[in-house]
Amino acid sequence: MDTTTVNKFRDGLKSFVEQVVSQHMPLRVTRRNGADFVVMSAEDWERDQETLYVLQNSSLMRQIAEASATHKAHEGYTPTKEQIDEILGV
């Protein structure tokens, strides 16, 4: 994560915002009083919130673990060719 001071951030606000949004990299802004803050795109914030929700949901994590185990053991559901074609829009 890149870091800048609040003064540099204020002076180059537009370019910093463009960098954060286009590169999907958060920016840490430091302040003299030590109360730093982070700037990130709304898209990245929403993605992180979804990830946190899944990680905190024990039922979903259990389903993911079970699906991973059946996939590794080649025991999971295998769609038919017609189903795959429908999913892919072929």
PDB file of N, CA and C in Angstrom:
ATOM      1  N   MET A   1       0.846  -1.172   0.000  1.00  0.00           N
ATOM      2  CA  MET A   1       0.000   0.000   0.000  1.00  0.00           C
ATOM      3  C   MET A   1       0.891   1.234   0.000  1.00  0.00           C
ATOM      4  N   ASP A   2       0.596   2.129  -0.944  1.00  0.00           N
ATOM      5  CA  ASP A   2       1.319   3.395  -0.991  1.00  0.00           C
ATOM      6  C   ASP A   2       0.881   4.287   0.161  1.00  0.00           C
ATOM      7  N   THR A   3       1.758   5.207   0.536  1.00  0.00           N
ATOM      8  CA  THR A   3       1.484   6.130   1.629  1.00  0.00           C
ATOM      9  C   THR A   3       1.835   7.543   1.181  1.00  0.00           C
ATOM     10  N   THR A   4       1.035   8.497   1.623  1.00  0.00           N
ATOM     11  CA  THR A   4       1.324   9.898   1.376  1.00  0.00           C
ATOM     12  C   THR A   4       0.866  10.710   2.581  1.00  0.00           C
ATOM     13  N   THR A   5       1.311  11.942   2.634  1.00  0.00           N
ATOM     14  CA  THR A   5       0.877  12.825   3.717  1.00  0.00           C
ATOM     15  C   THR A   5      -0.444  13.477   3.341  1.00  0.00           C
ATOM     16  N   VAL A   6      -1.153  13.979   4.321  1.00  0.00           N
ATOM     17  CA  VAL A   6      -2.432  14.620   4.062  1.00  0.00           C
ATOM     18  C   VAL A   6      -2.246  15.871   3.201  1.00  0.00           C
ATOM     19  N   ASN A   7      -1.133  16.585   3.390  1.00  0.00           N
ATOM     20  CA  ASN A   7      -0.883  17.786   2.582  1.00  0.00           C
ATOM     21  C   ASN A   7      -0.667  17.423   1.120  1.00  0.00           C
ATOM     22  N   LYS A   8       0.131  16.390   0.852  1.00  0.00           N
ATOM     23  CA  LYS A   8       0.347  15.948  -0.531  1.00  0.00           C
ATOM     24  C   LYS A   8      -0.946  15.402  -1.123  1.00  0.00           C
ATOM     25  N   PHE A   9      -1.721  14.711  -0.312  1.00  0.00           N
ATOM     26  CA  PHE A   9      -2.996  14.169  -0.777  1.00  0.00           C
ATOM     27  C   PHE A   9      -3.939  15.292  -1.198  1.00  0.00           C
ATOM     28  N   ARG A  10      -4.031  16.318  -0.367  1.00  0.00           N
ATOM     29  CA  ARG A  10      -4.906  17.465  -0.671  1.00  0.00           C
ATOM     30  C   ARG A  10      -4.447  18.153  -1.961  1.00  0.00           C
ATOM     31  N   ASP A  11      -3.143  18.343  -2.109  1.00  0.00           N
ATOM     32  CA  ASP A  11      -2.617  19.036  -3.289  1.00  0.00           C
ATOM     33  C   ASP A  11      -2.818  18.225  -4.572  1.00  0.00           C
ATOM     34  N   GLY A  12      -2.729  16.912  -4.480  1.00  0.00           N
ATOM     35  CA  GLY A  12      -2.853  16.073  -5.671  1.00  0.00           C
ATOM     36  C   GLY A  12      -4.077  15.191  -5.647  1.00  0.00           C
ATOM     37  N   LEU A  13      -5.165  15.684  -5.060  1.00  0.00           N
ATOM     38  CA  LEU A  13      -6.361  14.882  -4.843  1.00  0.00           C
ATOM     39  C   LEU A  13      -6.820  14.144  -6.101  1.00  0.00           C
ATOM     40  N   LYS A  14      -6.957  14.865  -7.204  1.00  0.00           N
ATOM     41  CA  LYS A  14      -7.484  14.257  -8.426  1.00  0.00           C
ATOM     42  C   LYS A  14      -6.599  13.111  -8.894  1.00  0.00           C
ATOM     43  N   SER A  15      -5.300  13.306  -8.921  1.00  0.00           N
ATOM     44  CA  SER A  15      -4.403  12.250  -9.411  1.00  0.00           C
ATOM     45  C   SER A  15      -4.366  11.070  -8.439  1.00  0.00           C
ATOM     46  N   PHE A  16      -4.426  11.327  -7.146  1.00  0.00           N
ATOM     47  CA  PHE A  16      -4.450  10.232  -6.171  1.00  0.00           C
ATOM     48  C   PHE A  16      -5.724   9.407  -6.316  1.00  0.00           C
ATOM     49  N   VAL A  17      -6.856  10.078  -6.497  1.00  0.00           N
ATOM     50  CA  VAL A  17      -8.124   9.367  -6.650  1.00  0.00           C
ATOM     51  C   VAL A  17      -8.092   8.527  -7.925  1.00  0.00           C
ATOM     52  N   GLU A  18      -7.615   9.088  -9.011  1.00  0.00           N
ATOM     53  CA  GLU A  18      -7.517   8.332 -10.265  1.00  0.00           C
ATOM     54  C   GLU A  18      -6.624   7.104 -10.099  1.00  0.00           C
ATOM     55  N   GLN A  19      -5.528   7.271  -9.395  1.00  0.00           N
ATOM     56  CA  GLN A  19      -4.601   6.153  -9.155  1.00  0.00           C
ATOM     57  C   GLN A  19      -5.275   5.061  -8.330  1.00  0.00           C
ATOM     58  N   VAL A  20      -5.965   5.443  -7.275  1.00  0.00           N
ATOM     59  CA  VAL A  20      -6.643   4.472  -6.398  1.00  0.00           C
ATOM     60  C   VAL A  20      -7.697   3.697  -7.179  1.00  0.00           C
ATOM     61  N   VAL A  21      -8.488   4.400  -7.991  1.00  0.00           N
ATOM     62  CA  VAL A  21      -9.565   3.755  -8.734  1.00  0.00           C
ATOM     63  C   VAL A  21      -9.022   2.886  -9.860  1.00  0.00           C
ATOM     64  N   SER A  22      -8.065   3.379 -10.615  1.00  0.00           N
ATOM     65  CA  SER A  22      -7.586   2.635 -11.791  1.00  0.00           C
ATOM     66  C   SER A  22      -6.693   1.458 -11.428  1.00  0.00           C
ATOM     67  N   GLN A  23      -5.905   1.588 -10.363  1.00  0.00           N
ATOM     68  CA  GLN A  23      -4.973   0.519  -9.992  1.00  0.00           C
ATOM     69  C   GLN A  23      -5.533  -0.423  -8.926  1.00  0.00           C
ATOM     70  N   HIS A  24      -6.697  -0.103  -8.397  1.00  0.00           N
ATOM     71  CA  HIS A  24      -7.313  -0.918  -7.337  1.00  0.00           C
ATOM     72  C   HIS A  24      -6.343  -1.156  -6.180  1.00  0.00           C
ATOM     73  N   MET A  25      -5.637  -0.087  -5.827  1.00  0.00           N
ATOM     74  CA  MET A  25      -4.695  -0.133  -4.710  1.00  0.00           C
ATOM     75  C   MET A  25      -5.087   0.946  -3.707  1.00  0.00           C
ATOM     76  N   PRO A  26      -5.342   0.564  -2.450  1.00  0.00           N
ATOM     77  CA  PRO A  26      -5.681   1.590  -1.455  1.00  0.00           C
ATOM     78  C   PRO A  26      -4.488   2.501  -1.178  1.00  0.00           C
ATOM     79  N   LEU A  27      -4.776   3.662  -0.671  1.00  0.00           N
ATOM     80  CA  LEU A  27      -3.746   4.652  -0.356  1.00  0.00           C
ATOM     81  C   LEU A  27      -3.877   5.040   1.109  1.00  0.00           C
ATOM     82  N   ARG A  28      -2.786   4.926   1.842  1.00  0.00           N
ATOM     83  CA  ARG A  28      -2.770   5.347   3.247  1.00  0.00           C
ATOM     84  C   ARG A  28      -2.337   6.812   3.305  1.00  0.00           C
ATOM     85  N   VAL A  29      -3.139   7.607   3.996  1.00  0.00           N
ATOM     86  CA  VAL A  29      -2.830   9.034   4.138  1.00  0.00           C
ATOM     87  C   VAL A  29      -2.498   9.280   5.598  1.00  0.00           C
ATOM     88  N   THR A  30      -1.292   9.794   5.833  1.00  0.00           N
ATOM     89  CA  THR A  30      -0.833  10.027   7.202  1.00  0.00           C
ATOM     90  C   THR A  30      -1.097  11.471   7.605  1.00  0.00           C
ATOM     91  N   ARG A  31      -1.384  11.627   8.889  1.00  0.00           N
ATOM     92  CA  ARG A  31      -1.622  12.943   9.458  1.00  0.00           C
ATOM     93  C   ARG A  31      -0.641  13.170  10.599  1.00  0.00           C
ATOM     94  N   ARG A  32      -0.375  14.416  10.896  1.00  0.00           N
ATOM     95  CA  ARG A  32       0.581  14.751  11.958  1.00  0.00           C
ATOM     96  C   ARG A  32       0.153  14.215  13.313  1.00  0.00           C
ATOM     97  N   ASN A  33      -1.158  14.197  13.578  1.00  0.00           N
ATOM     98  CA  ASN A  33      -1.619  13.738  14.886  1.00  0.00           C
ATOM     99  C   ASN A  33      -1.670  12.214  14.981  1.00  0.00           C
ATOM    100  N   GLY A  34      -1.287  11.530  13.896  1.00  0.00           N
ATOM    101  CA  GLY A  34      -1.216  10.073  13.929  1.00  0.00           C
ATOM    102  C   GLY A  34      -2.495   9.354  13.561  1.00  0.00           C
ATOM    103  N   ALA A  35      -3.574  10.081  13.322  1.00  0.00           N
ATOM    104  CA  ALA A  35      -4.842   9.445  12.949  1.00  0.00           C
ATOM    105  C   ALA A  35      -4.883   9.284  11.429  1.00  0.00           C
ATOM    106  N   ASP A  36      -4.204   8.256  10.931  1.00  0.00           N
ATOM    107  CA  ASP A  36      -4.147   8.010   9.492  1.00  0.00           C
ATOM    108  C   ASP A  36      -5.500   7.534   8.985  1.00  0.00           C
ATOM    109  N   PHE A  37      -5.690   7.611   7.668  1.00  0.00           N
ATOM    110  CA  PHE A  37      -6.876   7.057   7.042  1.00  0.00           C
ATOM    111  C   PHE A  37      -6.499   6.433   5.710  1.00  0.00           C
ATOM    112  N   VAL A  38      -7.399   5.621   5.193  1.00  0.00           N
ATOM    113  CA  VAL A  38      -7.145   4.903   3.948  1.00  0.00           C
ATOM    114  C   VAL A  38      -8.194   5.303   2.927  1.00  0.00           C
ATOM    115  N   VAL A  39      -7.741   5.527   1.693  1.00  0.00           N
ATOM    116  CA  VAL A  39      -8.636   5.849   0.587  1.00  0.00           C
ATOM    117  C   VAL A  39      -8.638   4.648  -0.350  1.00  0.00           C
ATOM    118  N   MET A  40      -9.860   4.180  -0.698  1.00  0.00           N
ATOM    119  CA  MET A  40      -9.969   3.070  -1.642  1.00  0.00           C
ATOM    120  C   MET A  40     -11.222   3.279  -2.484  1.00  0.00           C
ATOM    121  N   SER A  41     -11.256   2.615  -3.632  1.00  0.00           N
ATOM    122  CA  SER A  41     -12.420   2.767  -4.508  1.00  0.00           C
ATOM    123  C   SER A  41     -13.632   2.099  -3.876  1.00  0.00           C
ATOM    124  N   ALA A  42     -14.809   2.572  -4.242  1.00  0.00           N
ATOM    125  CA  ALA A  42     -16.048   1.984  -3.736  1.00  0.00           C
ATOM    126  C   ALA A  42     -16.167   0.534  -4.180  1.00  0.00           C
ATOM    127  N   GLU A  43     -15.751   0.241  -5.409  1.00  0.00           N
ATOM    128  CA  GLU A  43     -15.796  -1.134  -5.919  1.00  0.00           C
ATOM    129  C   GLU A  43     -14.953  -2.062  -5.049  1.00  0.00           C
ATOM    130  N   ASP A  44     -13.746  -1.630  -4.713  1.00  0.00           N
ATOM    131  CA  ASP A  44     -12.866  -2.446  -3.879  1.00  0.00           C
ATOM    132  C   ASP A  44     -13.427  -2.597  -2.470  1.00  0.00           C
ATOM    133  N   TRP A  45     -13.998  -1.527  -1.934  1.00  0.00           N
ATOM    134  CA  TRP A  45     -14.582  -1.586  -0.591  1.00  0.00           C
ATOM    135  C   TRP A  45     -15.735  -2.586  -0.562  1.00  0.00           C
ATOM    136  N   GLU A  46     -16.604  -2.543  -1.567  1.00  0.00           N
ATOM    137  CA  GLU A  46     -17.731  -3.474  -1.624  1.00  0.00           C
ATOM    138  C   GLU A  46     -17.243  -4.915  -1.735  1.00  0.00           C
ATOM    139  N   ARG A  47     -16.219  -5.149  -2.553  1.00  0.00           N
ATOM    140  CA  ARG A  47     -15.645  -6.492  -2.692  1.00  0.00           C
ATOM    141  C   ARG A  47     -15.102  -6.975  -1.351  1.00  0.00           C
ATOM    142  N   ASP A  48     -14.398  -6.114  -0.654  1.00  0.00           N
ATOM    143  CA  ASP A  48     -13.841  -6.491   0.648  1.00  0.00           C
ATOM    144  C   ASP A  48     -14.944  -6.781   1.661  1.00  0.00           C
ATOM    145  N   GLN A  49     -16.030  -6.016   1.613  1.00  0.00           N
ATOM    146  CA  GLN A  49     -17.146  -6.257   2.525  1.00  0.00           C
ATOM    147  C   GLN A  49     -17.790  -7.615   2.257  1.00  0.00           C
ATOM    148  N   GLU A  50     -17.938  -7.963   0.973  1.00  0.00           N
ATOM    149  CA  GLU A  50     -18.488  -9.279   0.613  1.00  0.00           C
ATOM    150  C   GLU A  50     -17.580 -10.395   1.112  1.00  0.00           C
ATOM    151  N   THR A  51     -16.274 -10.216   0.944  1.00  0.00           N
ATOM    152  CA  THR A  51     -15.309 -11.222   1.404  1.00  0.00           C
ATOM    153  C   THR A  51     -15.397 -11.388   2.912  1.00  0.00           C
ATOM    154  N   LEU A  52     -15.447 -10.287   3.639  1.00  0.00           N
ATOM    155  CA  LEU A  52     -15.560 -10.364   5.098  1.00  0.00           C
ATOM    156  C   LEU A  52     -16.841 -11.063   5.521  1.00  0.00           C
ATOM    157  N   TYR A  53     -17.932 -10.795   4.812  1.00  0.00           N
ATOM    158  CA  TYR A  53     -19.201 -11.440   5.129  1.00  0.00           C
ATOM    159  C   TYR A  53     -19.076 -12.954   4.994  1.00  0.00           C
ATOM    160  N   VAL A  54     -18.496 -13.405   3.883  1.00  0.00           N
ATOM    161  CA  VAL A  54     -18.335 -14.848   3.658  1.00  0.00           C
ATOM    162  C   VAL A  54     -17.423 -15.450   4.721  1.00  0.00           C
ATOM    163  N   LEU A  55     -16.301 -14.793   5.003  1.00  0.00           N
ATOM    164  CA  LEU A  55     -15.349 -15.322   5.981  1.00  0.00           C
ATOM    165  C   LEU A  55     -15.943 -15.404   7.384  1.00  0.00           C
ATOM    166  N   GLN A  56     -16.861 -14.524   7.711  1.00  0.00           N
ATOM    167  CA  GLN A  56     -17.471 -14.512   9.043  1.00  0.00           C
ATOM    168  C   GLN A  56     -18.693 -15.414   9.143  1.00  0.00           C
ATOM    169  N   ASN A  57     -19.148 -15.955   8.001  1.00  0.00           N
ATOM    170  CA  ASN A  57     -20.337 -16.788   7.983  1.00  0.00           C
ATOM    171  C   ASN A  57     -19.900 -18.256   8.005  1.00  0.00           C
ATOM    172  N   SER A  58     -20.034 -18.896   9.163  1.00  0.00           N
ATOM    173  CA  SER A  58     -19.537 -20.266   9.317  1.00  0.00           C
ATOM    174  C   SER A  58     -20.254 -21.245   8.397  1.00  0.00           C
ATOM    175  N   SER A  59     -21.525 -21.025   8.124  1.00  0.00           N
ATOM    176  CA  SER A  59     -22.270 -21.902   7.229  1.00  0.00           C
ATOM    177  C   SER A  59     -21.710 -21.838   5.808  1.00  0.00           C
ATOM    178  N   LEU A  60     -21.472 -20.625   5.327  1.00  0.00           N
ATOM    179  CA  LEU A  60     -20.890 -20.482   3.990  1.00  0.00           C
ATOM    180  C   LEU A  60     -19.486 -21.068   3.922  1.00  0.00           C
ATOM    181  N   MET A  61     -18.687 -20.843   4.947  1.00  0.00           N
ATOM    182  CA  MET A  61     -17.319 -21.386   4.954  1.00  0.00           C
ATOM    183  C   MET A  61     -17.345 -22.910   4.952  1.00  0.00           C
ATOM    184  N   ARG A  62     -18.290 -23.496   5.657  1.00  0.00           N
ATOM    185  CA  ARG A  62     -18.436 -24.956   5.677  1.00  0.00           C
ATOM    186  C   ARG A  62     -18.822 -25.461   4.277  1.00  0.00           C
ATOM    187  N   GLN A  63     -19.752 -24.768   3.615  1.00  0.00           N
ATOM    188  CA  GLN A  63     -20.157 -25.152   2.263  1.00  0.00           C
ATOM    189  C   GLN A  63     -18.984 -25.059   1.292  1.00  0.00           C
ATOM    190  N   ILE A  64     -18.185 -24.033   1.424  1.00  0.00           N
ATOM    191  CA  ILE A  64     -17.016 -23.866   0.557  1.00  0.00           C
ATOM    192  C   ILE A  64     -16.019 -24.995   0.807  1.00  0.00           C
ATOM    193  N   ALA A  65     -15.781 -25.334   2.064  1.00  0.00           N
ATOM    194  CA  ALA A  65     -14.850 -26.418   2.397  1.00  0.00           C
ATOM    195  C   ALA A  65     -15.347 -27.748   1.846  1.00  0.00           C
ATOM    196  N   GLU A  66     -16.654 -28.005   1.985  1.00  0.00           N
ATOM    197  CA  GLU A  66     -17.217 -29.255   1.471  1.00  0.00           C
ATOM    198  C   GLU A  66     -17.132 -29.308  -0.053  1.00  0.00           C
ATOM    199  N   ALA A  67     -17.430 -28.211  -0.707  1.00  0.00           N
ATOM    200  CA  ALA A  67     -17.348 -28.162  -2.167  1.00  0.00           C
ATOM    201  C   ALA A  67     -15.916 -28.356  -2.636  1.00  0.00           C
ATOM    202  N   SER A  68     -14.974 -27.763  -1.933  1.00  0.00           N
ATOM    203  CA  SER A  68     -13.562 -27.928  -2.281  1.00  0.00           C
ATOM    204  C   SER A  68     -13.122 -29.380  -2.132  1.00  0.00           C
ATOM    205  N   ALA A  69     -13.572 -30.021  -1.068  1.00  0.00           N
ATOM    206  CA  ALA A  69     -13.202 -31.425  -0.834  1.00  0.00           C
ATOM    207  C   ALA A  69     -13.784 -32.329  -1.906  1.00  0.00           C
ATOM    208  N   THR A  70     -15.046 -32.135  -2.267  1.00  0.00           N
ATOM    209  CA  THR A  70     -15.642 -32.988  -3.306  1.00  0.00           C
ATOM    210  C   THR A  70     -15.010 -32.716  -4.660  1.00  0.00           C
ATOM    211  N   HIS A  71     -14.631 -31.476  -4.907  1.00  0.00           N
ATOM    212  CA  HIS A  71     -13.964 -31.146  -6.173  1.00  0.00           C
ATOM    213  C   HIS A  71     -12.609 -31.854  -6.268  1.00  0.00           C
ATOM    214  N   LYS A  72     -11.844 -31.790  -5.197  1.00  0.00           N
ATOM    215  CA  LYS A  72     -10.526 -32.447  -5.185  1.00  0.00           C
ATOM    216  C   LYS A  72     -10.646 -33.959  -5.348  1.00  0.00           C
ATOM    217  N   ALA A  73     -11.718 -34.528  -4.808  1.00  0.00           N
ATOM    218  CA  ALA A  73     -11.927 -35.977  -4.887  1.00  0.00           C
ATOM    219  C   ALA A  73     -12.660 -36.370  -6.174  1.00  0.00           C
ATOM    220  N   HIS A  74     -12.937 -35.375  -7.032  1.00  0.00           N
ATOM    221  CA  HIS A  74     -13.669 -35.621  -8.281  1.00  0.00           C
ATOM    222  C   HIS A  74     -15.008 -36.299  -8.019  1.00  0.00           C
ATOM    223  N   GLU A  75     -15.664 -35.902  -6.929  1.00  0.00           N
ATOM    224  CA  GLU A  75     -16.947 -36.480  -6.548  1.00  0.00           C
ATOM    225  C   GLU A  75     -18.089 -35.484  -6.647  1.00  0.00           C
ATOM    226  N   GLY A  76     -17.800 -34.279  -7.062  1.00  0.00           N
ATOM    227  CA  GLY A  76     -18.837 -33.266  -7.122  1.00  0.00           C
ATOM    228  C   GLY A  76     -19.743 -33.444  -8.319  1.00  0.00           C
ATOM    229  N   TYR A  77     -20.729 -32.594  -8.411  1.00  0.00           N
ATOM    230  CA  TYR A  77     -21.700 -32.620  -9.498  1.00  0.00           C
ATOM    231  C   TYR A  77     -21.009 -32.251 -10.798  1.00  0.00           C
ATOM    232  N   THR A  78     -21.294 -32.983 -11.858  1.00  0.00           N
ATOM    233  CA  THR A  78     -20.768 -32.683 -13.183  1.00  0.00           C
ATOM    234  C   THR A  78     -21.950 -32.384 -14.102  1.00  0.00           C
ATOM    235  N   PRO A  79     -22.028 -31.161 -14.606  1.00  0.00           N
ATOM    236  CA  PRO A  79     -23.148 -30.825 -15.484  1.00  0.00           C
ATOM    237  C   PRO A  79     -23.026 -31.553 -16.822  1.00  0.00           C
ATOM    238  N   THR A  80     -24.178 -31.739 -17.460  1.00  0.00           N
ATOM    239  CA  THR A  80     -24.182 -32.363 -18.775  1.00  0.00           C
ATOM    240  C   THR A  80     -23.667 -31.365 -19.803  1.00  0.00           C
ATOM    241  N   LYS A  81     -23.365 -31.858 -21.009  1.00  0.00           N
ATOM    242  CA  LYS A  81     -22.905 -30.976 -22.085  1.00  0.00           C
ATOM    243  C   LYS A  81     -23.955 -29.920 -22.390  1.00  0.00           C
ATOM    244  N   GLU A  82     -25.220 -30.314 -22.382  1.00  0.00           N
ATOM    245  CA  GLU A  82     -26.308 -29.372 -22.658  1.00  0.00           C
ATOM    246  C   GLU A  82     -26.364 -28.265 -21.590  1.00  0.00           C
ATOM    247  N   GLN A  83     -26.169 -28.638 -20.337  1.00  0.00           N
ATOM    248  CA  GLN A  83     -26.179 -27.647 -19.261  1.00  0.00           C
ATOM    249  C   GLN A  83     -25.002 -26.687 -19.402  1.00  0.00           C
ATOM    250  N   ILE A  84     -23.857 -27.222 -19.755  1.00  0.00           N
ATOM    251  CA  ILE A  84     -22.677 -26.360 -19.949  1.00  0.00           C
ATOM    252  C   ILE A  84     -22.916 -25.404 -21.109  1.00  0.00           C
ATOM    253  N   ASP A  85     -23.460 -25.930 -22.205  1.00  0.00           N
ATOM    254  CA  ASP A  85     -23.768 -25.072 -23.354  1.00  0.00           C
ATOM    255  C   ASP A  85     -24.750 -23.968 -22.980  1.00  0.00           C
ATOM    256  N   GLU A  86     -25.747 -24.311 -22.165  1.00  0.00           N
ATOM    257  CA  GLU A  86     -26.720 -23.312 -21.737  1.00  0.00           C
ATOM    258  C   GLU A  86     -26.067 -22.246 -20.864  1.00  0.00           C
ATOM    259  N   ILE A  87     -25.207 -22.674 -19.963  1.00  0.00           N
ATOM    260  CA  ILE A  87     -24.509 -21.736 -19.082  1.00  0.00           C
ATOM    261  C   ILE A  87     -23.626 -20.802 -19.890  1.00  0.00           C
ATOM    262  N   LEU A  88     -22.934 -21.349 -20.888  1.00  0.00           N
ATOM    263  CA  LEU A  88     -22.011 -20.556 -21.702  1.00  0.00           C
ATOM    264  C   LEU A  88     -22.702 -19.809 -22.835  1.00  0.00           C
ATOM    265  N   GLY A  89     -24.000 -20.105 -23.028  1.00  0.00           N
ATOM    266  CA  GLY A  89     -24.742 -19.428 -24.080  1.00  0.00           C
ATOM    267  C   GLY A  89     -24.396 -19.907 -25.461  1.00  0.00           C
ATOM    268  N   VAL A  90     -24.016 -21.170 -25.579  1.00  0.00           N
ATOM    269  CA  VAL A  90     -23.630 -21.749 -26.874  1.00  0.00           C
ATOM    270  C   VAL A  90     -24.851 -22.282 -27.586  1.00  0.00           C
TER     271      VAL A  90
END
